[in-house]
Amino acid sequence: MTSRRARRTSLVPLSLLMVLGALLLPGPGCAKPRYYRVTDPATNNVYYTQKLRRPMDNKTITFRDVKTNRTHTLDRAQVDQLDRPEYQTATAGLADP
């Protein structure tokens, strides 16, 4: 059986590692923004968004279009990831949500 002192000293490195790990992990505010162009093949409508939500069935996507500020759910869509300058050019004159 180990003494209390031996148990306490063995937990110190573990707790130190946990604290360091929590500090080094990026938080949600540090995530790099993503930009998407979503094209509906049925209507050829093009939408721009920064967030996509895919339900568990993974067949549909839900997003909010920045131009109309409306939420859309599409069964089939072509999703292209854009870089920031492309997104800004496409949504010029609109405020980010």
N, C-alpha and C. Protein backbone atom coordinates (compact mmCIF):
# COMPACT_ATOMS: atom_id res chain seq x y z
N MET A 1 0.84 -1.17 0.00
CA MET A 1 0.00 0.00 0.00
C MET A 1 0.89 1.24 0.00
N THR A 2 0.49 2.24 -0.75
CA THR A 2 1.31 3.45 -0.85
C THR A 2 0.90 4.47 0.20
N SER A 3 1.85 5.29 0.54
CA SER A 3 1.56 6.33 1.54
C SER A 3 0.82 7.48 0.86
N ARG A 4 0.25 8.34 1.70
CA ARG A 4 -0.48 9.49 1.15
C ARG A 4 0.45 10.41 0.38
N ARG A 5 1.63 10.60 0.88
CA ARG A 5 2.59 11.49 0.23
C ARG A 5 2.97 10.95 -1.16
N ALA A 6 3.18 9.66 -1.28
CA ALA A 6 3.53 9.06 -2.56
C ALA A 6 2.37 9.20 -3.55
N ARG A 7 1.14 9.02 -3.08
CA ARG A 7 -0.02 9.17 -3.95
C ARG A 7 -0.18 10.61 -4.42
N ARG A 8 0.03 11.56 -3.52
CA ARG A 8 -0.12 12.97 -3.85
C ARG A 8 0.91 13.40 -4.87
N THR A 9 2.15 12.98 -4.72
CA THR A 9 3.19 13.37 -5.66
C THR A 9 2.99 12.72 -7.03
N SER A 10 2.37 11.56 -7.07
CA SER A 10 2.14 10.94 -8.37
C SER A 10 0.98 11.62 -9.11
N LEU A 11 0.09 12.29 -8.40
CA LEU A 11 -1.01 12.99 -9.04
C LEU A 11 -0.61 14.38 -9.54
N VAL A 12 0.44 14.94 -9.01
CA VAL A 12 0.87 16.28 -9.41
C VAL A 12 1.20 16.34 -10.90
N PRO A 13 2.02 15.44 -11.44
CA PRO A 13 2.30 15.51 -12.88
C PRO A 13 1.04 15.32 -13.74
N LEU A 14 0.14 14.47 -13.32
CA LEU A 14 -1.09 14.26 -14.07
C LEU A 14 -1.92 15.53 -14.11
N SER A 15 -2.10 16.17 -12.97
CA SER A 15 -2.90 17.40 -12.94
C SER A 15 -2.20 18.51 -13.71
N LEU A 16 -0.88 18.57 -13.64
CA LEU A 16 -0.13 19.57 -14.39
C LEU A 16 -0.31 19.35 -15.90
N LEU A 17 -0.28 18.11 -16.34
CA LEU A 17 -0.49 17.81 -17.75
C LEU A 17 -1.91 18.18 -18.19
N MET A 18 -2.88 17.95 -17.35
CA MET A 18 -4.26 18.29 -17.69
C MET A 18 -4.42 19.81 -17.85
N VAL A 19 -3.84 20.58 -16.95
CA VAL A 19 -3.93 22.03 -17.03
C VAL A 19 -3.22 22.54 -18.28
N LEU A 20 -2.04 22.04 -18.56
CA LEU A 20 -1.31 22.47 -19.76
C LEU A 20 -2.07 22.09 -21.03
N GLY A 21 -2.64 20.92 -21.03
CA GLY A 21 -3.41 20.48 -22.20
C GLY A 21 -4.62 21.38 -22.45
N ALA A 22 -5.31 21.78 -21.39
CA ALA A 22 -6.47 22.66 -21.53
C ALA A 22 -6.06 24.03 -22.04
N LEU A 23 -4.90 24.50 -21.63
CA LEU A 23 -4.43 25.81 -22.08
C LEU A 23 -3.99 25.80 -23.53
N LEU A 24 -3.49 24.68 -24.00
CA LEU A 24 -2.97 24.61 -25.35
C LEU A 24 -4.03 24.31 -26.40
N LEU A 25 -5.19 23.80 -25.99
CA LEU A 25 -6.25 23.50 -26.95
C LEU A 25 -6.93 24.79 -27.38
N PRO A 26 -7.14 24.97 -28.67
CA PRO A 26 -7.83 26.19 -29.11
C PRO A 26 -9.30 26.14 -28.73
N GLY A 27 -9.82 27.26 -28.33
CA GLY A 27 -11.23 27.35 -27.98
C GLY A 27 -12.07 27.62 -29.20
N PRO A 28 -13.39 27.68 -29.05
CA PRO A 28 -14.26 27.91 -30.20
C PRO A 28 -14.04 29.28 -30.83
N GLY A 29 -13.59 30.25 -30.06
CA GLY A 29 -13.34 31.57 -30.61
C GLY A 29 -12.07 31.63 -31.45
N CYS A 30 -11.23 30.64 -31.34
CA CYS A 30 -9.97 30.63 -32.07
C CYS A 30 -10.06 29.87 -33.39
N ALA A 31 -11.18 29.29 -33.67
CA ALA A 31 -11.32 28.50 -34.89
C ALA A 31 -11.28 29.40 -36.11
N LYS A 32 -10.65 28.93 -37.16
CA LYS A 32 -10.54 29.68 -38.40
C LYS A 32 -11.90 29.67 -39.09
N PRO A 33 -12.39 30.83 -39.49
CA PRO A 33 -13.71 30.85 -40.16
C PRO A 33 -13.66 30.14 -41.51
N ARG A 34 -14.76 29.54 -41.86
CA ARG A 34 -14.87 28.86 -43.15
C ARG A 34 -15.96 29.53 -43.96
N TYR A 35 -15.78 29.52 -45.25
CA TYR A 35 -16.71 30.18 -46.15
C TYR A 35 -17.14 29.19 -47.23
N TYR A 36 -18.44 29.18 -47.51
CA TYR A 36 -18.98 28.19 -48.46
C TYR A 36 -19.86 28.86 -49.51
N ARG A 37 -19.83 28.29 -50.71
CA ARG A 37 -20.78 28.61 -51.77
C ARG A 37 -21.60 27.34 -51.97
N VAL A 38 -22.90 27.45 -51.81
CA VAL A 38 -23.79 26.31 -51.94
C VAL A 38 -24.65 26.52 -53.18
N THR A 39 -24.60 25.55 -54.09
CA THR A 39 -25.38 25.64 -55.32
C THR A 39 -26.44 24.56 -55.31
N ASP A 40 -27.69 24.98 -55.54
CA ASP A 40 -28.80 24.04 -55.64
C ASP A 40 -28.88 23.58 -57.10
N PRO A 41 -28.57 22.31 -57.39
CA PRO A 41 -28.57 21.87 -58.80
C PRO A 41 -29.95 21.87 -59.44
N ALA A 42 -31.00 21.80 -58.66
CA ALA A 42 -32.35 21.78 -59.22
C ALA A 42 -32.74 23.15 -59.77
N THR A 43 -32.32 24.22 -59.10
CA THR A 43 -32.70 25.57 -59.52
C THR A 43 -31.53 26.42 -59.97
N ASN A 44 -30.31 25.93 -59.78
CA ASN A 44 -29.08 26.67 -60.05
C ASN A 44 -28.95 27.94 -59.21
N ASN A 45 -29.69 28.03 -58.11
CA ASN A 45 -29.52 29.15 -57.18
C ASN A 45 -28.22 28.98 -56.42
N VAL A 46 -27.53 30.09 -56.17
CA VAL A 46 -26.26 30.07 -55.46
C VAL A 46 -26.45 30.82 -54.14
N TYR A 47 -25.96 30.22 -53.06
CA TYR A 47 -26.06 30.79 -51.73
C TYR A 47 -24.66 30.86 -51.11
N TYR A 48 -24.49 31.78 -50.19
CA TYR A 48 -23.21 31.92 -49.49
C TYR A 48 -23.47 31.86 -47.99
N THR A 49 -22.61 31.12 -47.30
CA THR A 49 -22.77 30.93 -45.87
C THR A 49 -21.42 30.66 -45.21
N GLN A 50 -21.41 30.77 -43.88
CA GLN A 50 -20.21 30.44 -43.13
C GLN A 50 -20.41 29.19 -42.28
N LYS A 51 -21.64 28.73 -42.16
CA LYS A 51 -21.92 27.55 -41.35
C LYS A 51 -22.83 26.60 -42.09
N LEU A 52 -22.47 25.34 -42.08
CA LEU A 52 -23.30 24.28 -42.64
C LEU A 52 -23.66 23.31 -41.53
N ARG A 53 -24.87 22.83 -41.56
CA ARG A 53 -25.27 21.81 -40.59
C ARG A 53 -25.78 20.61 -41.37
N ARG A 54 -25.17 19.48 -41.07
CA ARG A 54 -25.57 18.23 -41.71
C ARG A 54 -26.18 17.32 -40.66
N PRO A 55 -27.46 17.00 -40.79
CA PRO A 55 -28.09 16.09 -39.84
C PRO A 55 -27.47 14.70 -39.89
N MET A 56 -27.88 13.85 -38.99
CA MET A 56 -27.32 12.51 -38.88
C MET A 56 -27.50 11.69 -40.15
N ASP A 57 -28.55 11.94 -40.93
CA ASP A 57 -28.75 11.16 -42.14
C ASP A 57 -27.73 11.52 -43.24
N ASN A 58 -27.09 12.69 -43.09
CA ASN A 58 -26.03 13.14 -43.99
C ASN A 58 -26.50 13.28 -45.43
N LYS A 59 -27.81 13.37 -45.64
CA LYS A 59 -28.34 13.52 -46.99
C LYS A 59 -28.73 14.96 -47.28
N THR A 60 -29.06 15.73 -46.27
CA THR A 60 -29.46 17.11 -46.46
C THR A 60 -28.48 18.04 -45.75
N ILE A 61 -28.50 19.29 -46.16
CA ILE A 61 -27.72 20.30 -45.45
C ILE A 61 -28.64 21.48 -45.13
N THR A 62 -28.37 22.10 -44.02
CA THR A 62 -29.12 23.28 -43.60
C THR A 62 -28.12 24.40 -43.39
N PHE A 63 -28.48 25.59 -43.84
CA PHE A 63 -27.59 26.74 -43.73
C PHE A 63 -28.41 28.02 -43.80
N ARG A 64 -27.78 29.14 -43.40
CA ARG A 64 -28.41 30.45 -43.49
C ARG A 64 -27.66 31.24 -44.56
N ASP A 65 -28.39 31.68 -45.58
CA ASP A 65 -27.81 32.45 -46.67
C ASP A 65 -27.54 33.88 -46.18
N VAL A 66 -26.33 34.39 -46.41
CA VAL A 66 -26.00 35.74 -45.92
C VAL A 66 -26.67 36.83 -46.74
N LYS A 67 -27.01 36.56 -47.98
CA LYS A 67 -27.63 37.60 -48.81
C LYS A 67 -29.09 37.83 -48.43
N THR A 68 -29.83 36.76 -48.19
CA THR A 68 -31.26 36.89 -47.87
C THR A 68 -31.55 36.72 -46.38
N ASN A 69 -30.56 36.25 -45.63
CA ASN A 69 -30.71 35.96 -44.20
C ASN A 69 -31.83 34.96 -43.94
N ARG A 70 -32.01 34.04 -44.87
CA ARG A 70 -33.02 32.98 -44.73
C ARG A 70 -32.32 31.64 -44.55
N THR A 71 -32.97 30.76 -43.81
CA THR A 71 -32.46 29.41 -43.61
C THR A 71 -32.99 28.51 -44.72
N HIS A 72 -32.10 27.73 -45.29
CA HIS A 72 -32.46 26.81 -46.38
C HIS A 72 -32.05 25.39 -45.99
N THR A 73 -32.84 24.44 -46.43
CA THR A 73 -32.51 23.03 -46.30
C THR A 73 -32.60 22.41 -47.68
N LEU A 74 -31.51 21.83 -48.12
CA LEU A 74 -31.47 21.25 -49.47
C LEU A 74 -31.15 19.77 -49.38
N ASP A 75 -31.82 18.98 -50.23
CA ASP A 75 -31.57 17.54 -50.28
C ASP A 75 -30.24 17.26 -50.98
N ARG A 76 -30.05 17.87 -52.11
CA ARG A 76 -28.81 17.71 -52.85
C ARG A 76 -28.27 19.09 -53.13
N ALA A 77 -27.00 19.24 -52.89
CA ALA A 77 -26.39 20.54 -53.14
C ALA A 77 -24.91 20.34 -53.44
N GLN A 78 -24.39 21.25 -54.22
CA GLN A 78 -22.95 21.27 -54.46
C GLN A 78 -22.36 22.30 -53.51
N VAL A 79 -21.44 21.88 -52.67
CA VAL A 79 -20.83 22.76 -51.67
C VAL A 79 -19.37 22.95 -52.02
N ASP A 80 -18.98 24.21 -52.17
CA ASP A 80 -17.59 24.56 -52.46
C ASP A 80 -17.07 25.42 -51.33
N GLN A 81 -15.91 25.07 -50.81
CA GLN A 81 -15.30 25.89 -49.78
C GLN A 81 -14.51 27.00 -50.46
N LEU A 82 -14.71 28.23 -50.01
CA LEU A 82 -14.06 29.39 -50.60
C LEU A 82 -13.01 29.95 -49.65
N ASP A 83 -12.07 30.70 -50.20
CA ASP A 83 -11.17 31.43 -49.32
C ASP A 83 -11.81 32.80 -49.04
N ARG A 84 -11.27 33.50 -48.09
CA ARG A 84 -11.89 34.74 -47.63
C ARG A 84 -12.05 35.80 -48.73
N PRO A 85 -11.04 36.05 -49.57
CA PRO A 85 -11.23 37.07 -50.62
C PRO A 85 -12.36 36.73 -51.60
N GLU A 86 -12.49 35.45 -51.98
CA GLU A 86 -13.58 35.05 -52.87
C GLU A 86 -14.93 35.30 -52.22
N TYR A 87 -15.03 34.92 -50.95
CA TYR A 87 -16.28 35.09 -50.21
C TYR A 87 -16.63 36.57 -50.10
N GLN A 88 -15.65 37.40 -49.78
CA GLN A 88 -15.89 38.83 -49.63
C GLN A 88 -16.30 39.47 -50.96
N THR A 89 -15.71 39.03 -52.05
CA THR A 89 -16.08 39.55 -53.36
C THR A 89 -17.51 39.17 -53.70
N ALA A 90 -17.88 37.94 -53.42
CA ALA A 90 -19.23 37.44 -53.75
C ALA A 90 -20.30 38.10 -52.89
N THR A 91 -19.95 38.46 -51.67
CA THR A 91 -20.94 39.03 -50.75
C THR A 91 -20.64 40.51 -50.49
N ALA A 92 -20.00 41.17 -51.44
CA ALA A 92 -19.64 42.58 -51.27
C ALA A 92 -20.88 43.42 -50.99
N GLY A 93 -20.73 44.31 -50.04
CA GLY A 93 -21.83 45.19 -49.67
C GLY A 93 -22.77 44.63 -48.64
N LEU A 94 -22.52 43.41 -48.20
CA LEU A 94 -23.38 42.78 -47.19
C LEU A 94 -22.60 42.66 -45.90
N ALA A 95 -23.28 42.84 -44.78
CA ALA A 95 -22.63 42.65 -43.48
C ALA A 95 -22.62 41.17 -43.15
N ASP A 96 -21.53 40.69 -42.51
CA ASP A 96 -21.48 39.30 -42.07
C ASP A 96 -22.44 39.12 -40.92
N PRO A 97 -23.15 37.96 -40.87
CA PRO A 97 -24.10 37.73 -39.79
C PRO A 97 -23.40 37.52 -38.47
